[in-house]
Amino acid sequence: MTLDRFRPVFAGPISRLAKIFADMGITPNQVTLASLLFSAAAGLCYALGASNIFMIGAALIFVVLNSLFDALDGSMARYLLINDKAGDFLDHLVDRYADVFIVGGMIFGGYAGWGIGLFTMVGILLTSYLGTQAQALSIGRFYGGIMGRADRLVLIMAASLLHIIYPQAIFGYTLLGWSLILMGIASHVTALQRIHFIHTHLG
């Protein structure tokens, strides 16, 4: 992923917060489920707030919380020395639902047409599938490509903030609409990159 190079910058603060949560008796799975609730809330705000910048602001906050809690659960598991396949499965399952909730909310909000929304959603789910399919083929998990989940979330956050500042349409779409278009194109490019990687390693 493009943002992988910045992981060390956030690793320290995330690790410290993870220790605080773990020492309070909160489990990684509880944090994972909380991230799902935040994604559902974000999607609802996007769906209902197309013409309301306050709802977009709330959606932005929920996306930030979803991203934070998504990073926290893994850090907590490492701190607690938990190697739980069920927890790993739950984390990946919740991530997929979160993608559908957040991006689905943007689609229902009408920031771009249904055709664009479907194109984007297919690209996102396909890239996620290919990342884990590489592991199923004994290649190992592969999350490379120009746009992974972290990149999508940062793009959505940036577009939401800019939409609050400038909610008018540009060439027919608001900035949130353009973010959907960009996510769709980049996700399909990422899917092709991952297909190439898997095919190369299978040969």
Protein backbone atom coordinates (compact mmCIF):
# COMPACT_ATOMS: atom_id res chain seq x y z
CA MET A 1 0.00 0.00 0.00
CA THR A 2 1.11 3.56 -0.65
CA LEU A 3 0.75 4.51 3.02
CA ASP A 4 2.77 1.58 4.36
CA ARG A 5 5.87 3.76 4.47
CA PHE A 6 4.19 5.93 7.13
CA ARG A 7 3.31 3.06 9.47
CA PRO A 8 6.32 3.68 11.78
CA VAL A 9 5.14 7.27 12.33
CA PHE A 10 1.84 6.08 13.85
CA ALA A 11 3.09 2.85 15.43
CA GLY A 12 4.24 4.49 18.66
CA PRO A 13 1.03 6.39 19.54
CA ILE A 14 -1.15 3.45 18.47
CA SER A 15 0.91 1.07 20.60
CA ARG A 16 0.62 3.32 23.67
CA LEU A 17 -3.14 3.68 23.25
CA ALA A 18 -3.46 -0.08 22.71
CA LYS A 19 -1.71 -0.72 26.03
CA ILE A 20 -4.09 1.65 27.81
CA PHE A 21 -7.13 -0.11 26.34
CA ALA A 22 -5.74 -3.58 27.09
CA ASP A 23 -4.87 -2.64 30.68
CA MET A 24 -8.47 -1.46 31.12
CA GLY A 25 -9.63 -5.01 30.33
CA ILE A 26 -10.94 -4.20 26.85
CA THR A 27 -10.38 -7.06 24.39
CA PRO A 28 -9.17 -6.75 20.79
CA ASN A 29 -12.43 -8.28 19.54
CA GLN A 30 -14.45 -5.63 21.37
CA VAL A 31 -12.39 -2.95 19.68
CA THR A 32 -12.95 -4.66 16.31
CA LEU A 33 -16.72 -4.66 16.83
CA ALA A 34 -16.63 -1.02 17.92
CA SER A 35 -14.88 -0.18 14.64
CA LEU A 36 -17.78 -1.84 12.82
CA LEU A 37 -20.29 0.35 14.65
CA PHE A 38 -18.30 3.47 13.75
CA SER A 39 -18.27 2.45 10.07
CA ALA A 40 -22.05 1.90 10.12
CA ALA A 41 -22.55 5.31 11.70
CA ALA A 42 -20.28 6.88 9.07
CA GLY A 43 -22.21 5.24 6.26
CA LEU A 44 -25.52 6.45 7.69
CA CYS A 45 -24.24 10.01 7.96
CA TYR A 46 -22.96 9.95 4.37
CA ALA A 47 -26.27 8.54 3.15
CA LEU A 48 -28.36 11.16 4.93
CA GLY A 49 -26.06 14.15 4.78
CA ALA A 50 -25.43 14.94 1.13
CA SER A 51 -26.60 18.52 1.59
CA ASN A 52 -25.67 18.88 5.25
CA ILE A 53 -22.04 19.65 6.05
CA PHE A 54 -22.63 18.88 9.73
CA MET A 55 -23.58 15.31 8.83
CA ILE A 56 -20.49 15.09 6.62
CA GLY A 57 -18.45 16.31 9.59
CA ALA A 58 -19.97 13.58 11.76
CA ALA A 59 -19.23 11.02 9.05
CA LEU A 60 -15.62 12.19 8.96
CA ILE A 61 -15.29 11.74 12.72
CA PHE A 62 -16.74 8.23 12.51
CA VAL A 63 -14.37 7.28 9.67
CA VAL A 64 -11.43 8.51 11.76
CA LEU A 65 -12.65 6.43 14.72
CA ASN A 66 -13.14 3.38 12.48
CA SER A 67 -9.59 3.75 11.19
CA LEU A 68 -8.17 4.22 14.69
CA PHE A 69 -9.96 1.22 16.18
CA ASP A 70 -9.08 -0.91 13.16
CA ALA A 71 -5.41 -0.22 13.88
CA LEU A 72 -5.83 -0.68 17.63
CA ASP A 73 -7.15 -4.24 17.68
CA GLY A 74 -4.04 -5.71 16.06
CA SER A 75 -1.73 -3.70 18.28
CA MET A 76 -3.65 -4.84 21.35
CA ALA A 77 -3.42 -8.48 20.26
CA ARG A 78 0.36 -8.17 19.91
CA TYR A 79 0.64 -6.50 23.31
CA LEU A 80 -1.46 -9.24 24.94
CA LEU A 81 0.48 -11.94 23.02
CA ILE A 82 -2.76 -13.19 21.48
CA ASN A 83 -2.43 -15.27 18.32
CA ASP A 84 -6.10 -15.86 17.66
CA LYS A 85 -7.19 -17.08 14.22
CA ALA A 86 -10.82 -16.39 15.13
CA GLY A 87 -9.91 -12.81 15.98
CA ASP A 88 -8.00 -12.43 12.73
CA PHE A 89 -11.00 -13.76 10.82
CA LEU A 90 -13.32 -11.36 12.65
CA ASP A 91 -11.01 -8.44 11.88
CA HIS A 92 -11.01 -9.18 8.13
CA LEU A 93 -14.77 -9.80 8.11
CA VAL A 94 -15.46 -6.51 9.88
CA ASP A 95 -13.16 -4.66 7.48
CA ARG A 96 -15.21 -5.88 4.53
CA TYR A 97 -18.49 -4.87 6.15
CA ALA A 98 -16.95 -1.52 7.06
CA ASP A 99 -15.97 -0.96 3.42
CA VAL A 100 -19.54 -1.71 2.34
CA PHE A 101 -21.06 0.52 5.04
CA ILE A 102 -18.84 3.55 4.37
CA VAL A 103 -18.68 3.40 0.58
CA GLY A 104 -22.28 2.19 0.39
CA GLY A 105 -23.36 5.22 2.41
CA MET A 106 -21.55 7.48 -0.04
CA ILE A 107 -23.32 5.75 -2.94
CA PHE A 108 -26.75 6.07 -1.30
CA GLY A 109 -25.96 9.71 -0.57
CA GLY A 110 -25.86 10.33 -4.31
CA TYR A 111 -22.37 11.80 -4.51
CA ALA A 112 -21.93 9.84 -7.74
CA GLY A 113 -24.23 7.71 -9.88
CA TRP A 114 -25.08 4.10 -9.15
CA GLY A 115 -22.97 2.90 -12.06
CA ILE A 116 -19.89 4.59 -10.63
CA GLY A 117 -20.79 3.31 -7.17
CA LEU A 118 -21.06 -0.28 -8.38
CA PHE A 119 -17.79 0.04 -10.31
CA THR A 120 -16.06 1.30 -7.17
CA MET A 121 -17.55 -1.27 -4.82
CA VAL A 122 -16.59 -4.16 -7.09
CA GLY A 123 -13.03 -2.85 -7.30
CA ILE A 124 -12.73 -2.50 -3.52
CA LEU A 125 -14.09 -5.97 -2.76
CA LEU A 126 -11.98 -7.54 -5.50
CA THR A 127 -8.75 -6.05 -4.19
CA SER A 128 -9.58 -7.29 -0.68
CA TYR A 129 -10.39 -10.77 -2.00
CA LEU A 130 -7.13 -10.98 -3.94
CA GLY A 131 -5.11 -9.98 -0.87
CA THR A 132 -6.34 -12.99 1.08
CA GLN A 133 -6.55 -15.31 -1.95
CA ALA A 134 -2.78 -15.06 -2.24
CA GLN A 135 -2.56 -16.56 1.25
CA ALA A 136 -5.03 -19.30 0.34
CA LEU A 137 -2.72 -20.24 -2.53
CA SER A 138 0.21 -20.49 -0.09
CA ILE A 139 1.88 -17.38 -1.51
CA GLY A 140 1.31 -15.37 1.65
CA ARG A 141 -0.90 -12.37 2.23
CA PHE A 142 -0.30 -9.65 -0.31
CA TYR A 143 -1.72 -6.18 0.13
CA GLY A 144 0.41 -4.32 -2.41
CA GLY A 145 -0.81 -2.02 -5.13
CA ILE A 146 -1.51 1.67 -5.43
CA MET A 147 -4.59 1.68 -3.19
CA GLY A 148 -5.17 -0.50 -0.16
CA ARG A 149 -7.68 0.00 2.64
CA ALA A 150 -5.62 2.57 4.52
CA ASP A 151 -5.23 4.61 1.33
CA ARG A 152 -8.98 4.50 0.71
CA LEU A 153 -9.77 5.68 4.21
CA VAL A 154 -7.31 8.56 4.01
CA LEU A 155 -8.78 9.58 0.65
CA ILE A 156 -12.31 9.48 2.10
CA MET A 157 -11.22 11.56 5.11
CA ALA A 158 -9.48 14.13 2.93
CA ALA A 159 -12.43 14.34 0.52
CA SER A 160 -14.88 14.72 3.43
CA LEU A 161 -12.88 17.55 4.96
CA LEU A 162 -12.56 19.32 1.61
CA HIS A 163 -16.28 18.77 0.94
CA ILE A 164 -17.08 20.61 4.17
CA ILE A 165 -14.89 23.52 3.03
CA TYR A 166 -16.12 23.49 -0.57
CA PRO A 167 -19.38 21.53 -1.05
CA GLN A 168 -20.06 22.78 -4.59
CA ALA A 169 -19.80 20.48 -7.60
CA ILE A 170 -16.75 20.54 -9.85
CA PHE A 171 -17.44 19.31 -13.39
CA GLY A 172 -20.64 17.65 -12.20
CA TYR A 173 -19.40 16.01 -8.98
CA THR A 174 -18.58 17.17 -5.49
CA LEU A 175 -15.20 16.23 -4.05
CA LEU A 176 -16.79 13.21 -2.37
CA GLY A 177 -18.12 12.15 -5.75
CA TRP A 178 -14.69 12.51 -7.30
CA SER A 179 -13.21 10.47 -4.44
CA LEU A 180 -15.56 7.62 -5.38
CA ILE A 181 -14.42 7.82 -8.99
CA LEU A 182 -10.76 7.88 -7.97
CA MET A 183 -11.25 4.96 -5.57
CA GLY A 184 -12.93 2.95 -8.30
CA ILE A 185 -10.16 3.49 -10.84
CA ALA A 186 -7.34 2.97 -8.34
CA SER A 187 -8.98 -0.14 -6.86
CA HIS A 188 -9.26 -1.83 -10.24
CA VAL A 189 -5.65 -0.92 -11.03
CA THR A 190 -4.68 -2.41 -7.67
CA ALA A 191 -6.65 -5.55 -8.48
CA LEU A 192 -4.69 -5.93 -11.73
CA GLN A 193 -1.42 -5.42 -9.83
CA ARG A 194 -2.37 -8.13 -7.34
CA ILE A 195 -3.51 -10.50 -10.11
CA HIS A 196 -0.12 -10.01 -11.79
CA PHE A 197 1.70 -10.68 -8.51
CA ILE A 198 -0.26 -13.87 -7.80
CA HIS A 199 0.05 -15.13 -11.37
CA THR A 200 3.82 -14.49 -11.34
CA HIS A 201 4.31 -16.40 -8.09
CA LEU A 202 2.13 -19.29 -9.22
CA GLY A 203 4.30 -19.73 -12.31
